[in-house]
Protein backbone atom coordinates (compact mmCIF):
# COMPACT_ATOMS: atom_id res chain seq x y z
CA MET A 1 -57.51 -37.57 2.64
CA THR A 2 -58.21 -40.49 5.10
CA THR A 3 -55.52 -42.63 6.82
CA ILE A 4 -56.44 -45.60 4.66
CA GLU A 5 -56.05 -43.51 1.47
CA LEU A 6 -52.69 -42.25 2.70
CA ALA A 7 -51.57 -45.93 3.32
CA GLN A 8 -52.78 -46.89 -0.22
CA LYS A 9 -50.66 -43.98 -1.67
CA ALA A 10 -47.61 -45.12 0.50
CA THR A 11 -48.11 -48.65 -0.90
CA ILE A 12 -48.07 -47.35 -4.55
CA VAL A 13 -44.80 -45.49 -3.92
CA ALA A 14 -43.25 -48.61 -2.30
CA ASN A 15 -44.34 -50.77 -5.16
CA SER A 16 -43.11 -48.18 -7.69
CA LEU A 17 -39.75 -48.03 -5.89
CA ARG A 18 -39.51 -51.89 -6.21
CA MET A 19 -40.14 -51.56 -9.90
CA VAL A 20 -37.39 -48.96 -10.18
CA ASP A 21 -35.05 -51.29 -8.37
CA THR A 22 -35.94 -54.00 -10.91
CA SER A 23 -35.32 -51.69 -13.76
CA PHE A 24 -31.91 -50.64 -12.17
CA ASN A 25 -30.94 -54.25 -12.00
CA ASP A 26 -31.90 -54.77 -15.58
CA PHE A 27 -29.88 -51.74 -16.52
CA SER A 28 -26.81 -52.93 -14.63
CA LEU A 29 -26.98 -56.35 -16.30
CA ALA A 30 -27.23 -54.58 -19.65
CA LEU A 31 -24.25 -52.24 -18.76
CA GLU A 32 -22.23 -55.26 -17.68
CA GLY A 33 -23.09 -56.96 -21.03
CA SER A 34 -21.83 -54.12 -23.02
CA THR A 35 -18.21 -54.96 -21.80
CA SER A 36 -18.25 -58.66 -22.52
CA LYS A 37 -16.51 -58.42 -25.82
CA LEU A 38 -14.02 -55.71 -24.78
CA PRO A 39 -10.48 -56.65 -23.92
CA PHE A 40 -9.28 -56.11 -20.33
CA ASN A 41 -8.12 -52.51 -19.79
CA ASP A 42 -7.81 -51.14 -16.17
CA THR A 43 -6.31 -47.73 -17.07
CA PRO A 44 -8.18 -45.04 -15.02
CA ALA A 45 -10.18 -43.44 -18.01
CA SER A 46 -10.84 -46.68 -19.97
CA PHE A 47 -14.37 -47.67 -20.77
CA LEU A 48 -14.28 -50.50 -18.40
CA SER A 49 -13.37 -48.27 -15.53
CA LEU A 50 -16.20 -45.92 -16.56
CA VAL A 51 -18.66 -48.92 -16.44
CA ASP A 52 -17.15 -49.95 -13.05
CA LEU A 53 -17.84 -46.43 -11.67
CA CYS A 54 -21.45 -46.47 -12.96
CA GLN A 55 -22.15 -49.80 -11.33
CA SER A 56 -20.82 -48.60 -8.06
CA VAL A 57 -23.13 -45.56 -8.35
CA ASN A 58 -25.98 -47.75 -9.29
CA THR A 59 -25.33 -50.11 -6.38
CA ALA A 60 -25.36 -47.02 -3.98
CA MET A 61 -28.48 -45.66 -5.48
CA ARG A 62 -30.17 -49.12 -5.22
CA ASN A 63 -29.31 -49.28 -1.62
CA THR A 64 -30.84 -45.90 -1.17
CA LEU A 65 -33.97 -46.96 -3.00
CA SER A 66 -34.16 -50.03 -0.86
CA VAL A 67 -34.11 -47.93 2.29
CA TYR A 68 -36.95 -45.70 0.85
CA HIS A 69 -38.94 -48.86 -0.33
CA GLU A 70 -38.82 -50.32 3.17
CA ALA A 71 -39.75 -46.99 4.81
CA PHE A 72 -42.75 -46.55 2.53
CA ARG A 73 -43.78 -50.21 3.01
CA ALA A 74 -43.51 -49.88 6.90
CA LEU A 75 -45.38 -46.58 6.68
CA SER A 76 -48.20 -48.14 4.67
CA ASP A 77 -48.35 -51.05 7.19
CA SER A 78 -48.36 -48.90 10.25
CA LEU A 79 -51.10 -46.65 8.89
CA LYS A 80 -53.37 -49.78 8.17
CA LYS A 81 -52.76 -51.16 11.80
CA PRO A 82 -54.83 -50.22 14.76
CA TRP A 83 -53.61 -47.11 16.75
CA GLU A 84 -51.35 -47.63 19.75
CA TRP A 85 -53.95 -47.05 22.48
CA LYS A 86 -57.28 -48.70 23.27
CA GLU A 87 -60.31 -46.70 22.23
CA GLU A 88 -63.81 -47.69 21.25
CA PHE A 89 -65.90 -45.52 19.14
CA SER A 90 -69.16 -43.98 20.52
CA SER A 91 -72.52 -45.21 19.38
CA HIS A 92 -73.61 -41.60 19.02
CA THR A 93 -73.05 -40.43 15.39
CA LEU A 94 -71.96 -36.89 16.05
CA ILE A 95 -69.48 -37.99 18.72
CA LYS A 96 -68.26 -40.79 16.76
CA SER A 97 -67.58 -38.67 13.63
CA GLU A 98 -65.47 -36.23 15.60
CA GLN A 99 -63.80 -38.95 17.57
CA MET A 100 -62.77 -40.78 14.32
CA GLN A 101 -61.23 -37.69 12.94
CA GLN A 102 -59.09 -37.01 16.16
CA VAL A 103 -58.12 -40.62 16.35
CA PHE A 104 -57.06 -40.78 12.55
CA ASN A 105 -55.09 -37.49 13.04
CA VAL A 106 -53.11 -38.72 16.07
CA HIS A 107 -52.48 -42.05 14.48
CA THR A 108 -51.22 -40.59 11.16
CA TYR A 109 -49.05 -38.18 13.04
CA THR A 110 -47.35 -41.05 14.97
CA CYS A 111 -46.89 -43.13 11.78
CA LEU A 112 -45.41 -40.29 9.92
CA THR A 113 -42.93 -39.54 12.78
CA LYS A 114 -41.85 -43.19 12.69
CA TYR A 115 -41.42 -42.92 8.91
CA ILE A 116 -39.06 -39.93 9.30
CA THR A 117 -37.15 -41.41 12.17
CA SER A 118 -36.53 -44.68 10.16
CA LEU A 119 -35.18 -42.58 7.18
CA LYS A 120 -33.01 -40.55 9.59
CA ASN A 121 -31.47 -43.70 11.06
CA ASN A 122 -30.60 -45.18 7.60
CA GLN A 123 -29.29 -42.27 5.69
CA GLN A 124 -25.98 -40.50 5.07
CA GLY A 125 -24.98 -37.19 3.35
CA GLU A 126 -27.39 -34.46 2.51
CA LEU A 127 -30.59 -36.40 3.49
CA ARG A 128 -29.18 -37.29 6.95
CA ALA A 129 -28.41 -33.49 7.29
CA ALA A 130 -31.98 -32.68 6.40
CA LEU A 131 -33.08 -35.02 8.99
CA ASP A 132 -30.82 -33.69 11.81
CA GLU A 133 -31.71 -34.80 15.34
CA SER A 134 -32.57 -31.36 16.43
CA LEU A 135 -35.29 -31.23 13.54
CA VAL A 136 -36.78 -34.63 14.27
CA LYS A 137 -36.79 -34.80 18.06
CA PRO A 138 -39.65 -32.31 18.50
CA PHE A 139 -41.97 -34.47 16.42
CA THR A 140 -40.94 -37.61 18.33
CA PHE A 141 -41.67 -35.75 21.60
CA VAL A 142 -45.16 -34.57 20.39
CA SER A 143 -45.94 -37.97 19.02
CA ASP A 144 -45.42 -39.62 22.36
CA ARG A 145 -47.28 -36.82 24.11
CA LEU A 146 -50.31 -36.90 21.77
CA VAL A 147 -50.81 -40.46 22.65
CA SER A 148 -50.47 -40.05 26.37
CA GLU A 149 -52.76 -37.15 26.34
CA ARG A 150 -55.46 -39.08 24.38
CA VAL A 151 -55.12 -41.92 26.97
CA LYS A 152 -55.56 -39.50 29.91
CA GLN A 153 -58.63 -37.79 28.31
CA LEU A 154 -60.35 -41.25 27.67
CA GLN A 155 -59.74 -42.08 31.34
CA ARG A 156 -61.79 -39.28 32.69
CA ASP A 157 -64.89 -40.50 34.59
CA TYR A 158 -67.64 -38.02 35.58
CA ASN A 159 -69.72 -40.69 37.28
CA GLN A 160 -67.81 -39.78 40.50
CA PRO A 161 -68.16 -37.15 43.32
CA VAL A 162 -66.86 -33.62 42.76
CA ASP A 163 -63.85 -34.03 45.04
CA THR A 164 -62.75 -37.29 43.44
CA ILE A 165 -62.82 -35.69 39.91
CA LEU A 166 -60.95 -32.60 41.22
CA LYS A 167 -58.18 -34.96 42.52
CA LEU A 168 -57.88 -36.80 39.30
CA GLU A 169 -57.68 -33.44 37.39
CA GLY A 170 -55.15 -32.12 39.80
CA LYS A 171 -57.20 -29.11 40.76
CA PRO A 172 -57.97 -27.50 44.27
CA LYS A 173 -61.31 -27.59 45.87
CA MET A 174 -62.23 -24.03 44.80
CA PHE A 175 -62.39 -25.20 41.31
CA LEU A 176 -65.00 -26.98 39.27
CA PRO A 177 -64.41 -30.17 37.33
CA GLU A 178 -63.27 -29.22 33.88
CA GLY A 179 -66.04 -30.65 31.86
CA ILE A 180 -68.80 -29.20 34.14
CA GLU A 181 -67.21 -25.69 34.21
CA ARG A 182 -67.20 -25.69 30.40
CA LEU A 183 -70.81 -26.65 30.23
CA MET A 184 -71.77 -24.14 32.68
CA TYR A 185 -69.84 -21.28 30.99
CA GLN A 186 -71.22 -22.26 27.58
CA VAL A 187 -74.72 -21.82 28.93
CA TYR A 188 -74.06 -18.81 31.00
CA PHE A 189 -72.63 -16.88 28.08
CA SER A 190 -74.67 -18.41 25.40
CA THR A 191 -76.69 -16.10 22.87
CA GLU A 192 -78.85 -19.02 21.86
CA SER A 193 -82.36 -19.61 22.96
CA MET A 194 -82.82 -20.95 26.45
CA GLU A 195 -86.29 -22.50 25.63
CA GLY A 196 -86.49 -25.74 27.35
CA VAL A 197 -83.37 -25.74 29.38
CA PHE A 198 -83.72 -28.00 32.57
CA ARG A 199 -87.19 -28.87 31.45
CA GLN A 200 -86.50 -30.80 28.22
CA CYS A 201 -84.11 -33.79 28.45
CA ALA A 202 -81.82 -35.26 25.83
CA GLY A 203 -82.04 -38.93 25.17
CA LYS A 204 -80.69 -41.07 28.05
CA SER A 205 -78.13 -43.06 25.73
CA GLU A 206 -77.09 -39.60 24.25
CA MET A 207 -76.30 -38.18 27.56
CA GLU A 208 -74.43 -41.40 28.57
CA GLN A 209 -72.33 -41.27 25.53
CA TYR A 210 -71.50 -37.44 26.06
CA PHE A 211 -70.41 -38.31 29.71
CA LYS A 212 -68.48 -41.35 28.63
CA TYR A 213 -66.37 -39.48 26.20
CA ILE A 214 -66.41 -36.15 27.98
CA GLY A 215 -62.65 -35.95 27.86
CA VAL A 216 -62.60 -35.96 23.95
CA VAL A 217 -65.94 -34.69 22.94
CA ASP A 218 -66.27 -31.39 20.97
CA PHE A 219 -68.15 -29.15 23.21
CA ASP A 220 -69.31 -27.21 20.11
CA LEU A 221 -71.67 -29.84 19.49
CA ILE A 222 -73.49 -29.30 22.63
CA ASP A 223 -76.35 -26.88 22.71
CA GLY A 224 -77.99 -25.07 25.64
CA VAL A 225 -80.71 -27.79 26.35
CA LEU A 226 -78.12 -30.71 26.15
CA ALA A 227 -75.57 -28.88 28.32
CA CYS A 228 -78.12 -28.31 31.07
CA ALA A 229 -79.44 -31.83 30.71
CA LEU A 230 -75.85 -33.10 31.33
CA ILE A 231 -75.36 -30.75 34.25
CA LYS A 232 -78.66 -31.97 35.70
CA LYS A 233 -77.62 -35.65 35.03
CA TYR A 234 -74.45 -35.15 36.85
CA ILE A 235 -76.06 -33.52 39.79
CA ARG A 236 -78.72 -36.09 39.99
CA GLU A 237 -76.66 -39.26 39.72
CA ILE A 238 -73.45 -38.56 41.66
CA SER A 239 -73.18 -40.76 44.83
CA GLU A 240 -72.45 -37.78 46.89
CA PRO A 241 -75.05 -35.09 46.47
CA ILE A 242 -74.12 -31.40 46.03
CA TRP A 243 -76.03 -30.51 49.15
CA PRO A 244 -74.18 -32.73 51.80
CA VAL A 245 -76.33 -35.59 53.01
CA GLU A 246 -75.38 -34.97 56.52
CA LEU A 247 -76.99 -31.53 56.36
CA TYR A 248 -80.19 -32.62 54.48
CA ASP A 249 -82.33 -33.09 57.63
CA GLN A 250 -81.07 -29.83 59.13
CA LEU A 251 -81.97 -27.97 55.95
CA ILE A 252 -85.45 -29.56 55.78
CA ASN A 253 -85.99 -28.68 59.52
CA ILE A 254 -85.23 -25.00 59.16
CA THR A 255 -87.23 -24.76 55.93
CA GLU A 256 -90.27 -26.39 57.50
CA ASN A 257 -90.01 -24.00 60.46
CA PHE A 258 -88.81 -20.78 58.93
CA GLY A 259 -89.16 -21.14 55.17
CA GLY A 260 -91.96 -18.59 54.96
CA ASN A 261 -89.86 -15.99 56.77
CA LEU A 262 -86.96 -15.31 54.44
CA ALA A 263 -85.11 -13.08 56.84
CA MET A 264 -85.10 -15.73 59.61
CA TRP A 265 -84.30 -18.53 56.99
CA LYS A 266 -81.37 -16.74 55.69
CA MET A 267 -79.86 -16.35 59.24
CA LYS A 268 -80.31 -20.07 59.97
CA PHE A 269 -79.08 -21.07 56.48
CA ARG A 270 -75.84 -18.95 56.87
CA GLY A 271 -74.90 -20.76 60.03
CA MET A 272 -75.46 -24.16 58.48
CA TYR A 273 -73.63 -23.24 55.21
CA ASN A 274 -70.39 -22.61 56.87
CA THR A 275 -70.10 -26.30 57.47
CA VAL A 276 -70.57 -27.25 53.83
CA PRO A 277 -67.29 -28.79 52.33
CA ASP A 278 -65.34 -26.36 50.02
CA GLN A 279 -65.90 -28.41 46.83
CA ASN A 280 -69.62 -28.51 47.45
CA LYS A 281 -69.74 -24.67 48.12
CA THR A 282 -67.82 -24.00 44.86
CA PHE A 283 -70.28 -26.03 42.93
CA LEU A 284 -73.27 -24.44 44.51
CA GLU A 285 -71.84 -20.91 44.00
CA TYR A 286 -71.53 -21.53 40.28
CA PHE A 287 -74.76 -23.47 39.75
CA VAL A 288 -76.94 -20.74 41.63
CA PRO A 289 -75.81 -17.82 39.28
CA LEU A 290 -76.30 -20.11 36.39
CA CYS A 291 -79.86 -20.85 37.39
CA LEU A 292 -80.45 -17.07 37.96
CA LYS A 293 -79.00 -16.24 34.52
CA ILE A 294 -81.45 -18.75 32.95
CA VAL A 295 -84.30 -17.04 34.81
CA GLU A 296 -83.22 -13.78 33.46
CA HIS A 297 -82.84 -14.92 29.88
CA LYS A 298 -85.53 -13.36 27.49
CA THR A 299 -86.11 -16.69 25.87
CA SER A 300 -86.39 -18.75 29.00
CA LYS A 301 -89.82 -19.41 30.41
CA MET A 302 -88.33 -20.39 33.80
CA ASN A 303 -88.80 -18.47 37.05
CA VAL A 304 -87.39 -19.55 40.36
CA ASN A 305 -90.49 -21.53 41.41
CA ASN A 306 -90.45 -23.92 38.45
CA LEU A 307 -86.67 -23.97 38.32
CA ALA A 308 -86.75 -25.15 41.93
CA ILE A 309 -89.11 -27.92 40.99
CA CYS A 310 -86.88 -28.96 38.06
CA VAL A 311 -83.49 -29.10 39.78
CA GLY A 312 -84.02 -28.66 43.43
CA PRO A 313 -84.48 -32.38 44.17
CA ALA A 314 -81.35 -33.34 42.23
CA VAL A 315 -79.32 -30.77 44.38
CA ILE A 316 -80.90 -31.37 47.70
CA ARG A 317 -81.47 -35.15 48.34
CA LYS A 318 -80.17 -38.05 50.18
CA SER A 319 -78.83 -41.21 48.40
CA ALA A 320 -81.90 -41.53 46.11
CA MET A 321 -84.06 -38.80 44.59
CA THR A 322 -86.07 -37.03 47.19
CA GLU A 323 -89.66 -38.04 47.25
CA GLY A 324 -92.63 -38.11 49.44
CA MET A 325 -93.50 -35.89 52.35
CA PHE A 326 -90.41 -33.64 52.42
CA SER A 327 -90.43 -32.77 48.74
CA GLN A 328 -92.34 -29.57 49.17
CA TYR A 329 -89.50 -28.26 51.59
CA VAL A 330 -86.85 -29.19 49.02
CA PHE A 331 -88.69 -27.07 46.50
CA LEU A 332 -89.05 -24.26 49.00
CA ALA A 333 -85.46 -24.50 50.26
CA PHE A 334 -84.02 -24.18 46.73
CA THR A 335 -86.44 -21.31 45.87
CA ASN A 336 -85.13 -19.59 48.96
CA ILE A 337 -81.62 -20.21 47.89
CA LEU A 338 -82.24 -18.65 44.51
CA THR A 339 -84.28 -15.77 45.98
CA ALA A 340 -81.67 -14.79 48.63
CA ALA A 341 -78.69 -15.78 46.51
CA LEU A 342 -76.98 -12.41 46.62
CA ASP A 343 -77.27 -12.34 50.47
CA ILE A 344 -76.15 -15.76 51.35
CA PHE A 345 -73.53 -16.23 48.53
CA PRO A 346 -71.91 -12.60 48.31
CA GLN A 347 -69.10 -13.81 45.85
CA ILE A 348 -71.47 -15.29 43.12
CA GLN A 349 -71.28 -12.18 40.91
CA LEU A 350 -67.66 -12.91 40.45
CA LYS A 351 -67.93 -16.61 39.38
CA PHE A 352 -68.66 -16.24 35.65
CA ILE A 353 -66.01 -13.90 34.15
CA ASP A 354 -66.15 -12.96 30.54
CA SER A 355 -62.45 -12.63 30.26
CA ARG A 356 -62.12 -16.29 31.08
CA ILE A 357 -64.40 -17.61 28.23
CA LYS A 358 -61.69 -18.55 26.00
CA GLU A 359 -59.65 -20.08 28.68
CA VAL A 360 -62.67 -22.20 29.93
CA CYS A 361 -64.50 -23.01 26.73
CA SER A 362 -61.46 -23.37 24.55
CA PRO A 363 -58.77 -24.75 26.78
CA SER A 364 -55.36 -25.36 25.29
CA SER A 365 -54.25 -28.89 24.41
CA LEU A 366 -51.42 -30.49 22.60
CA TYR A 367 -53.94 -31.90 20.16
CA ILE A 368 -55.21 -28.23 19.27
CA ASP A 369 -51.69 -26.86 19.18
CA THR A 370 -50.90 -29.71 16.65
CA PHE A 371 -53.89 -29.77 14.50
CA GLY A 372 -55.67 -26.58 15.17
CA LYS A 373 -59.25 -26.12 16.06
CA LYS A 374 -62.18 -26.37 13.74
CA VAL A 375 -64.24 -23.26 13.42
CA SER A 376 -67.72 -24.00 14.66
CA LYS A 377 -70.68 -22.93 12.54
CA ASN A 378 -72.67 -22.15 15.72
CA LYS A 379 -70.57 -19.56 17.47
CA ARG A 380 -71.32 -18.72 20.84
CA GLY A 381 -71.25 -14.95 21.83
CA ALA A 382 -69.88 -13.61 25.00
CA LYS A 383 -71.72 -10.84 27.01
CA THR A 384 -70.55 -9.10 30.12
CA PRO A 385 -72.51 -10.47 33.06
CA THR A 386 -75.44 -8.32 34.16
CA VAL A 387 -75.85 -7.19 37.68
CA MET A 388 -77.47 -9.92 39.53
CA ARG A 389 -79.75 -7.66 41.52
CA LYS A 390 -81.74 -7.02 38.22
CA LEU A 391 -82.66 -10.69 38.19
CA PHE A 392 -85.66 -10.34 40.30
CA SER A 393 -87.29 -7.44 38.47
CA ASP A 394 -89.30 -9.57 36.07
CA LYS A 395 -89.33 -13.38 36.40
CA GLY A 396 -87.62 -13.46 39.79
CA LEU A 397 -89.14 -13.23 43.26
CA SER A 398 -89.09 -9.87 45.05
CA GLN A 399 -88.77 -9.97 48.79
CA ALA A 400 -92.28 -8.58 49.05
CA LYS A 401 -93.85 -11.32 47.04
CA HIS A 402 -91.81 -14.08 48.65
CA ARG A 403 -94.26 -15.05 51.43
CA ARG A 404 -97.28 -15.40 48.92
CA SER A 405 -95.09 -17.54 46.62
CA VAL A 406 -93.98 -19.81 49.31
CA SER A 407 -97.38 -20.61 50.36
CA SER A 408 -98.72 -21.17 46.83
CA LEU A 409 -95.54 -23.33 46.00
CA ALA A 410 -96.17 -25.53 49.02
CA ALA A 411 -99.87 -25.92 48.43
CA GLU A 412 -99.25 -26.77 44.66
CA SER A 413 -96.69 -29.32 45.56
CA ILE A 414 -98.76 -31.12 48.18
CA SER A 415 -102.02 -31.12 46.21
CA LYS A 416 -100.42 -32.43 43.10
CA GLN A 417 -97.69 -34.60 44.65
CA LEU A 418 -95.56 -33.23 42.13
CA ILE A 419 -92.38 -35.26 41.84
CA PRO A 420 -90.45 -33.99 38.68
CA LYS A 421 -89.05 -36.54 36.31
CA MET A 422 -85.16 -35.98 36.37
């Protein structure tokens, strides 16, 4: 039943109570008329005394009905009014549908809480006992919290650098922004097809809507292709790139000079990597194993070469997307990062933990505690992470093949001037 339908039912009850009150009044007048021809008799058990008692009871009942009438009328009015917070509905159909359900749930909860509170404040006797403060208070507390939680979720802005989002979410630098972590976990542990991830892009307006409402969107609506498109969009568009701008030239330089010698390149990279800010390190050390997982996935057609072409320029760039003469070194640098991942990021095997899937992908919230969580038709499975060293056996690059792949990648990039569409 929708909020409007509930409001209509409340209106019917209020109107019915008004009709009952009118009937009570008619009954009282008729009862009073039945004594008009009787002589005065004020003895305790006389007919006149009985009528007086009935009239007193009727008055008390009418007063009670008046309280109920006012309560139902106020409930109906509040249900029909806009909710207490400002929230625009998404232009994307799926997001809007889920959003409307959440809004109406919270709005209905707050209206019903006010209805109960109004009855509690205007009743005596058994009803007041049934609406004891200890029973009503938890609902008023939750009602206020639901609204404040909603407002906070709507204020999330993922068009900001990682460290800014972490501060707003109250998280230390060794964590990921909550929305990005959920997207990465969903892709990493997904049992769905990985065909097209990071290569196919969702519609521009669709991605913008998911980011605008990332605090309230149902992540079960997001498949692997869309999740990767959102991750890529974030990496590509944030004002402070994941690979620090101040280290861009240095990375290009060591890749230009040592990119074909992986052992030497790794040594140079390690020394430079120590100066990368903690929040950027955290992001890279999640994103790299995610890329390797995609390379490993049986339904993915990605290898480290074309994955570097698809996402490398989004990770390693200056203020704008990297283009021109240095693009081949960006591809090569990211290829080397993926190839040597286990050596230069020794902790990445511990980033995605299957015991944290529920915690990350289904985080607790007051809304879920209050209304429950819908069961998704597209359930995502959870598999224990495979050992990373197996990643290079098929689609990945072996150390022996690295030198040949490096030269072919650079030649391809230069000859075709391949600048990927991001």
